Amino acid sequence: MATYTIRAVSKQVRDYNGQYGPMKSYKIALDGAGADPQEAIELSQKPDTAAPSVGQILEGTIDRSGQFGPKFKKDFAAGKTFGGSKKDEEGIKAQWAIGQAMTYCTNRLKATEHIDLTVVEALAKDLFAMTDRVKSNTDSTQAVTELFGEGEVQEEDPFEGMVLA
């Protein structure tokens, strides 16, 4: 997939129903590898997606094989998950972190104690940040060795002494 910059956007917008529901079609001109700056390229997207703008960066390919002119095909893997945005992914990760923090705190309490939400929030933030560190580390054995040393197991509880009420 290549990266392109939008150099012009036509004021004409066409609404139509495509195989994925209602769509908006824009004519754009692009700068980038293999793009002719004078060529009008169709960009179709859902109506709730922000309209393209001059200077916007797009990742994808220009498909010239169709009979109705060139079409821009977005690379949905670039900066986005298919079916949702990066913001959606962050929200899911946050929900997971909060759930894990609640489970941890609940399992440590006696039946008569109450959960201190500031402790849950602090733990959830740590778990949220941890997911990116874990995903980016390709050698988990090395990371464990760096943290705990060769053959050692650390049994300390980082929440020991904290009041969970």
Protein backbone atom coordinates (compact mmCIF):
# COMPACT_ATOMS: atom_id res chain seq x y z
CA MET A 1 0.00 0.00 0.00
CA ALA A 2 1.16 3.51 -0.81
CA THR A 3 0.69 6.83 0.95
CA TYR A 4 -0.99 9.70 -0.89
CA THR A 5 -1.82 13.31 -0.07
CA ILE A 6 -5.09 14.85 -1.25
CA ARG A 7 -4.29 17.88 -3.42
CA ALA A 8 -7.88 18.76 -4.45
CA VAL A 9 -11.48 17.74 -3.63
CA SER A 10 -14.38 18.37 -5.99
CA LYS A 11 -17.41 20.15 -4.53
CA GLN A 12 -19.68 17.62 -6.21
CA VAL A 13 -20.70 14.78 -3.91
CA ARG A 14 -22.73 11.81 -5.08
CA ASP A 15 -24.90 9.78 -2.67
CA TYR A 16 -25.65 6.18 -3.54
CA ASN A 17 -26.48 2.82 -1.98
CA GLY A 18 -23.60 0.37 -2.20
CA GLN A 19 -23.18 -3.21 -1.04
CA TYR A 20 -22.36 -1.93 2.50
CA GLY A 21 -25.27 0.53 2.69
CA PRO A 22 -25.45 4.28 2.04
CA MET A 23 -22.25 5.80 0.63
CA LYS A 24 -20.88 9.18 -0.44
CA SER A 25 -18.65 9.47 -3.50
CA TYR A 26 -16.08 12.25 -3.85
CA LYS A 27 -13.76 13.12 -6.75
CA ILE A 28 -10.24 13.82 -5.50
CA ALA A 29 -6.80 14.50 -6.96
CA LEU A 30 -3.80 12.92 -5.27
CA ASP A 31 -0.06 13.41 -4.94
CA GLY A 32 2.02 10.29 -4.44
CA ALA A 33 3.63 7.33 -6.19
CA GLY A 34 1.81 6.55 -9.43
CA ALA A 35 -0.75 9.34 -9.03
CA ASP A 36 -1.43 11.79 -11.83
CA PRO A 37 -2.13 15.15 -10.12
CA GLN A 38 -4.60 16.05 -12.89
CA GLU A 39 -6.58 12.78 -12.65
CA ALA A 40 -9.97 12.72 -10.92
CA ILE A 41 -10.13 9.66 -8.66
CA GLU A 42 -13.30 8.47 -6.97
CA LEU A 43 -13.23 8.03 -3.20
CA SER A 44 -16.30 6.33 -1.70
CA GLN A 45 -16.95 6.17 2.02
CA LYS A 46 -19.76 5.92 4.53
CA PRO A 47 -21.77 9.12 5.14
CA ASP A 48 -20.65 9.31 8.78
CA THR A 49 -16.97 9.42 7.74
CA ALA A 50 -15.55 12.94 7.58
CA ALA A 51 -15.39 14.35 4.05
CA PRO A 52 -11.92 14.27 2.48
CA SER A 53 -9.90 17.49 2.76
CA VAL A 54 -6.89 19.00 0.99
CA GLY A 55 -3.69 17.91 2.71
CA GLN A 56 -5.22 14.77 4.21
CA ILE A 57 -3.00 11.68 4.08
CA LEU A 58 -4.55 8.48 2.71
CA GLU A 59 -3.07 5.00 2.60
CA GLY A 60 -4.22 2.59 -0.07
CA THR A 61 -4.12 1.95 -3.80
CA ILE A 62 -5.51 3.51 -6.96
CA ASP A 63 -7.57 0.94 -8.86
CA ARG A 64 -7.68 1.74 -12.57
CA SER A 65 -9.20 -1.57 -13.66
CA GLY A 66 -12.87 -0.47 -13.55
CA GLN A 67 -14.84 0.80 -16.52
CA PHE A 68 -16.01 3.97 -14.71
CA GLY A 69 -12.61 5.48 -14.01
CA PRO A 70 -10.03 5.19 -11.24
CA LYS A 71 -11.13 4.51 -7.68
CA PHE A 72 -9.16 4.90 -4.49
CA LYS A 73 -9.16 1.80 -2.27
CA LYS A 74 -8.31 2.63 1.36
CA ASP A 75 -5.98 0.43 3.35
CA PHE A 76 -8.15 -0.34 6.37
CA ALA A 77 -5.23 -1.89 8.25
CA ALA A 78 -3.30 1.42 8.33
CA GLY A 79 -4.02 3.14 11.63
CA LYS A 80 -7.39 1.50 11.96
CA THR A 81 -8.94 -1.81 12.76
CA PHE A 82 -11.43 -3.22 10.26
CA GLY A 83 -14.94 -2.38 11.38
CA GLY A 84 -13.86 0.17 13.97
CA SER A 85 -11.50 2.98 14.64
CA LYS A 86 -8.34 3.17 16.71
CA LYS A 87 -10.46 5.01 19.29
CA ASP A 88 -12.80 1.98 19.49
CA GLU A 89 -9.79 -0.29 20.09
CA GLU A 90 -8.57 1.98 22.91
CA GLY A 91 -12.07 1.92 24.47
CA ILE A 92 -12.16 -1.87 24.40
CA LYS A 93 -8.71 -2.01 25.97
CA ALA A 94 -9.85 0.42 28.71
CA GLN A 95 -12.95 -1.67 29.44
CA TRP A 96 -10.80 -4.78 29.73
CA ALA A 97 -8.39 -3.00 32.12
CA ILE A 98 -11.23 -1.78 34.34
CA GLY A 99 -12.78 -5.27 34.44
CA GLN A 100 -9.47 -6.87 35.40
CA ALA A 101 -8.89 -4.24 38.11
CA MET A 102 -12.39 -4.80 39.54
CA THR A 103 -11.87 -8.56 39.54
CA TYR A 104 -8.51 -8.23 41.30
CA CYS A 105 -9.89 -5.87 43.95
CA THR A 106 -13.06 -7.91 44.48
CA ASN A 107 -11.09 -11.11 44.98
CA ARG A 108 -8.95 -9.44 47.65
CA LEU A 109 -11.84 -8.10 49.74
CA LYS A 110 -13.80 -9.66 52.53
CA ALA A 111 -17.57 -9.75 52.13
CA THR A 112 -18.04 -6.72 54.41
CA GLU A 113 -15.48 -4.45 52.71
CA HIS A 114 -16.15 -1.89 49.99
CA ILE A 115 -14.06 -1.27 46.87
CA ASP A 116 -12.20 2.04 46.77
CA LEU A 117 -12.68 3.17 43.16
CA THR A 118 -9.50 5.25 43.25
CA VAL A 119 -7.54 2.01 43.73
CA VAL A 120 -9.49 0.37 40.88
CA GLU A 121 -8.80 3.37 38.64
CA ALA A 122 -5.06 3.39 39.43
CA LEU A 123 -4.80 -0.34 38.76
CA ALA A 124 -6.86 -0.05 35.53
CA LYS A 125 -4.56 2.73 34.25
CA ASP A 126 -1.51 0.55 34.94
CA LEU A 127 -3.09 -2.43 33.16
CA PHE A 128 -4.14 -0.24 30.21
CA ALA A 129 -0.58 1.07 29.78
CA MET A 130 0.79 -2.44 30.19
CA THR A 131 -1.08 -3.79 27.14
CA ASP A 132 0.95 -1.70 24.68
CA ARG A 133 4.21 -2.62 26.43
CA VAL A 134 3.30 -6.31 26.28
CA LYS A 135 2.19 -6.13 22.63
CA SER A 136 5.38 -4.38 21.55
CA ASN A 137 7.72 -6.79 23.36
CA THR A 138 8.61 -9.63 21.02
CA ASP A 139 10.81 -11.52 23.48
CA SER A 140 8.79 -12.17 26.63
CA THR A 141 11.44 -14.51 28.06
CA GLN A 142 14.00 -11.73 27.94
CA ALA A 143 11.57 -9.31 29.60
CA VAL A 144 10.85 -11.75 32.46
CA THR A 145 14.56 -12.38 32.96
CA GLU A 146 15.25 -8.63 33.04
CA LEU A 147 12.52 -8.09 35.63
CA PHE A 148 13.05 -11.10 37.89
CA GLY A 149 16.50 -12.44 37.13
CA GLU A 150 17.43 -15.92 35.97
CA GLY A 151 15.30 -18.59 37.66
CA GLU A 152 13.88 -16.30 40.34
CA VAL A 153 10.19 -15.84 41.06
CA GLN A 154 9.04 -12.64 42.70
CA GLU A 155 6.03 -13.12 44.96
CA GLU A 156 5.60 -9.52 46.16
CA ASP A 157 2.14 -7.97 45.94
CA PRO A 158 2.39 -4.37 44.69
CA PHE A 159 -0.89 -3.57 46.48
CA GLU A 160 0.21 -4.95 49.85
CA GLY A 161 -0.56 -2.40 52.53
CA MET A 162 -3.07 -0.44 50.41
CA VAL A 163 -6.48 0.07 51.95
CA LEU A 164 -9.12 -1.26 49.58
CA ALA A 165 -12.05 0.15 51.53
